[in-house]
Amino acid sequence: MVLSENTQRIRELNDNLRTTGLGGQVMITDGVQALGSGGVAAAIAAMRSFTAFTEDNDPHGEHDFARFESSGNSFFFKIDYYDLNLEGGSDEPGDTTKTRRILTLMLTEEY
């Protein structure tokens, strides 16, 4: 897949947030929280190390959504792009001066 410069930038920003927790906010759902500190830590570690992106699970090449397994549980992570006031979607997700990223980590049954 050939990616535009803008898509490559979005992918880099998304990968940075997913792997380091920097460049946006990371939220976990009540279901993930209920796994306890060890379960949360394992899920976050699995999410951070996830690299199994394919054209099937990442058709736009942005690395903004995936399903993965950790400690016998199935998870999704989803990255959404908002305007700076969190009042609507961002029209320019590759521009950090106009976009706030929110990553949500959830159990698949919570989606």
C-alpha atoms as a PDB file:
ATOM      1  CA  MET A   1       0.000   0.000   0.000  1.00  0.00           C
ATOM      2  CA  VAL A   2       1.363   3.387  -0.996  1.00  0.00           C
ATOM      3  CA  LEU A   3       0.542   6.018   1.617  1.00  0.00           C
ATOM      4  CA  SER A   4       0.226   9.730   1.088  1.00  0.00           C
ATOM      5  CA  GLU A   5       2.478  12.019   3.108  1.00  0.00           C
ATOM      6  CA  ASN A   6      -0.548  13.042   5.208  1.00  0.00           C
ATOM      7  CA  THR A   7      -1.507   9.411   5.926  1.00  0.00           C
ATOM      8  CA  GLN A   8       2.087   8.630   6.887  1.00  0.00           C
ATOM      9  CA  ARG A   9       2.017  11.574   9.320  1.00  0.00           C
ATOM     10  CA  ILE A  10      -1.291  10.406  10.824  1.00  0.00           C
ATOM     11  CA  ARG A  11       0.130   6.886  11.200  1.00  0.00           C
ATOM     12  CA  GLU A  12       3.250   8.217  12.968  1.00  0.00           C
ATOM     13  CA  LEU A  13       1.139  10.272  15.377  1.00  0.00           C
ATOM     14  CA  ASN A  14      -1.166   7.321  16.065  1.00  0.00           C
ATOM     15  CA  ASP A  15       1.732   4.921  16.597  1.00  0.00           C
ATOM     16  CA  ASN A  16       3.363   7.392  18.973  1.00  0.00           C
ATOM     17  CA  LEU A  17       0.205   7.690  21.064  1.00  0.00           C
ATOM     18  CA  ARG A  18      -0.402   3.932  21.076  1.00  0.00           C
ATOM     19  CA  THR A  19       3.168   2.955  21.929  1.00  0.00           C
ATOM     20  CA  THR A  20       4.145   5.732  24.352  1.00  0.00           C
ATOM     21  CA  GLY A  21       0.899   7.298  25.603  1.00  0.00           C
ATOM     22  CA  LEU A  22       2.192  10.676  24.405  1.00  0.00           C
ATOM     23  CA  GLY A  23       0.534  12.980  21.916  1.00  0.00           C
ATOM     24  CA  GLY A  24      -3.036  12.620  23.105  1.00  0.00           C
ATOM     25  CA  GLN A  25      -5.163  11.069  25.810  1.00  0.00           C
ATOM     26  CA  VAL A  26      -5.485   7.370  26.592  1.00  0.00           C
ATOM     27  CA  MET A  27      -8.787   6.229  28.059  1.00  0.00           C
ATOM     28  CA  ILE A  28      -9.742   2.786  29.322  1.00  0.00           C
ATOM     29  CA  THR A  29     -13.281   1.524  29.666  1.00  0.00           C
ATOM     30  CA  ASP A  30     -14.915   0.235  32.838  1.00  0.00           C
ATOM     31  CA  GLY A  31     -14.524  -3.328  31.576  1.00  0.00           C
ATOM     32  CA  VAL A  32     -10.777  -2.939  31.188  1.00  0.00           C
ATOM     33  CA  GLN A  33     -10.511  -1.218  34.561  1.00  0.00           C
ATOM     34  CA  ALA A  34     -12.359  -4.160  36.156  1.00  0.00           C
ATOM     35  CA  LEU A  35      -9.462  -6.448  35.158  1.00  0.00           C
ATOM     36  CA  GLY A  36      -7.407  -4.899  37.967  1.00  0.00           C
ATOM     37  CA  SER A  37      -4.000  -3.299  37.799  1.00  0.00           C
ATOM     38  CA  GLY A  38      -2.268  -6.422  36.475  1.00  0.00           C
ATOM     39  CA  GLY A  39      -4.831  -6.931  33.728  1.00  0.00           C
ATOM     40  CA  VAL A  40      -4.719  -3.270  32.727  1.00  0.00           C
ATOM     41  CA  ALA A  41      -0.909  -3.297  32.633  1.00  0.00           C
ATOM     42  CA  ALA A  42      -0.876  -6.472  30.505  1.00  0.00           C
ATOM     43  CA  ALA A  43      -3.448  -5.041  28.075  1.00  0.00           C
ATOM     44  CA  ILE A  44      -1.548  -1.785  27.707  1.00  0.00           C
ATOM     45  CA  ALA A  45       1.722  -3.653  27.145  1.00  0.00           C
ATOM     46  CA  ALA A  46       0.072  -5.824  24.464  1.00  0.00           C
ATOM     47  CA  MET A  47      -1.433  -2.762  22.779  1.00  0.00           C
ATOM     48  CA  ARG A  48       1.897  -0.944  22.787  1.00  0.00           C
ATOM     49  CA  SER A  49       3.685  -3.876  21.176  1.00  0.00           C
ATOM     50  CA  PHE A  50       0.972  -4.588  18.577  1.00  0.00           C
ATOM     51  CA  THR A  51       2.358  -4.626  15.024  1.00  0.00           C
ATOM     52  CA  ALA A  52      -0.010  -6.966  13.146  1.00  0.00           C
ATOM     53  CA  PHE A  53      -1.540  -4.269  10.930  1.00  0.00           C
ATOM     54  CA  THR A  54      -2.666  -5.512   7.522  1.00  0.00           C
ATOM     55  CA  GLU A  55      -4.696  -4.120   4.643  1.00  0.00           C
ATOM     56  CA  ASP A  56      -7.654  -6.108   6.021  1.00  0.00           C
ATOM     57  CA  ASN A  57      -7.581  -4.646   9.545  1.00  0.00           C
ATOM     58  CA  ASP A  58      -6.085  -1.259   8.603  1.00  0.00           C
ATOM     59  CA  PRO A  59      -7.493  -0.385   5.158  1.00  0.00           C
ATOM     60  CA  HIS A  60      -6.609   3.324   5.382  1.00  0.00           C
ATOM     61  CA  GLY A  61      -3.092   2.730   6.746  1.00  0.00           C
ATOM     62  CA  GLU A  62      -3.568   5.025   9.754  1.00  0.00           C
ATOM     63  CA  HIS A  63      -3.034   2.444  12.545  1.00  0.00           C
ATOM     64  CA  ASP A  64      -6.102   3.861  14.297  1.00  0.00           C
ATOM     65  CA  PHE A  65      -7.942   0.651  15.227  1.00  0.00           C
ATOM     66  CA  ALA A  66      -7.057  -2.969  15.944  1.00  0.00           C
ATOM     67  CA  ARG A  67      -8.127  -6.092  17.777  1.00  0.00           C
ATOM     68  CA  PHE A  68      -5.658  -8.033  19.925  1.00  0.00           C
ATOM     69  CA  GLU A  69      -5.530 -10.630  22.696  1.00  0.00           C
ATOM     70  CA  SER A  70      -3.960 -10.386  26.131  1.00  0.00           C
ATOM     71  CA  SER A  71      -4.201 -12.706  29.148  1.00  0.00           C
ATOM     72  CA  GLY A  72      -7.171 -14.575  27.708  1.00  0.00           C
ATOM     73  CA  ASN A  73      -9.126 -11.410  26.921  1.00  0.00           C
ATOM     74  CA  SER A  74      -9.928  -9.814  23.580  1.00  0.00           C
ATOM     75  CA  PHE A  75      -9.446  -6.056  23.175  1.00  0.00           C
ATOM     76  CA  PHE A  76      -9.896  -3.243  20.689  1.00  0.00           C
ATOM     77  CA  PHE A  77      -8.095   0.048  20.637  1.00  0.00           C
ATOM     78  CA  LYS A  78      -9.584   2.958  18.713  1.00  0.00           C
ATOM     79  CA  ILE A  79      -8.051   6.372  18.056  1.00  0.00           C
ATOM     80  CA  ASP A  80     -10.419   9.240  17.311  1.00  0.00           C
ATOM     81  CA  TYR A  81      -9.506  12.706  16.033  1.00  0.00           C
ATOM     82  CA  TYR A  82     -11.187  15.714  17.645  1.00  0.00           C
ATOM     83  CA  ASP A  83     -10.906  19.461  17.295  1.00  0.00           C
ATOM     84  CA  LEU A  84      -8.930  21.192  20.046  1.00  0.00           C
ATOM     85  CA  ASN A  85     -12.074  21.917  22.089  1.00  0.00           C
ATOM     86  CA  LEU A  86     -13.288  18.308  21.862  1.00  0.00           C
ATOM     87  CA  GLU A  87     -16.521  19.601  20.370  1.00  0.00           C
ATOM     88  CA  GLY A  88     -16.360  17.792  17.033  1.00  0.00           C
ATOM     89  CA  GLY A  89     -14.179  15.831  14.713  1.00  0.00           C
ATOM     90  CA  SER A  90     -10.939  17.218  13.351  1.00  0.00           C
ATOM     91  CA  ASP A  91     -10.814  18.023   9.658  1.00  0.00           C
ATOM     92  CA  GLU A  92      -7.016  17.700   9.676  1.00  0.00           C
ATOM     93  CA  PRO A  93      -5.907  14.716  11.807  1.00  0.00           C
ATOM     94  CA  GLY A  94      -2.318  15.057  10.591  1.00  0.00           C
ATOM     95  CA  ASP A  95      -2.040  18.571  12.052  1.00  0.00           C
ATOM     96  CA  THR A  96      -1.298  18.551  15.787  1.00  0.00           C
ATOM     97  CA  THR A  97      -2.127  22.252  16.056  1.00  0.00           C
ATOM     98  CA  LYS A  98      -5.715  21.447  15.051  1.00  0.00           C
ATOM     99  CA  THR A  99      -6.264  17.945  16.401  1.00  0.00           C
ATOM    100  CA  ARG A 100      -6.516  16.149  19.740  1.00  0.00           C
ATOM    101  CA  ARG A 101      -6.156  12.384  19.678  1.00  0.00           C
ATOM    102  CA  ILE A 102      -8.128  10.182  22.045  1.00  0.00           C
ATOM    103  CA  LEU A 103      -7.215   6.504  22.239  1.00  0.00           C
ATOM    104  CA  THR A 104      -9.778   4.239  23.874  1.00  0.00           C
ATOM    105  CA  LEU A 105      -8.805   0.764  25.047  1.00  0.00           C
ATOM    106  CA  MET A 106     -11.812  -1.528  25.500  1.00  0.00           C
ATOM    107  CA  LEU A 107     -12.825  -5.143  25.755  1.00  0.00           C
ATOM    108  CA  THR A 108     -14.269  -6.305  22.424  1.00  0.00           C
ATOM    109  CA  GLU A 109     -17.672  -6.940  24.023  1.00  0.00           C
ATOM    110  CA  GLU A 110     -17.825  -3.245  25.015  1.00  0.00           C
ATOM    111  CA  TYR A 111     -17.656  -2.017  21.416  1.00  0.00           C
END
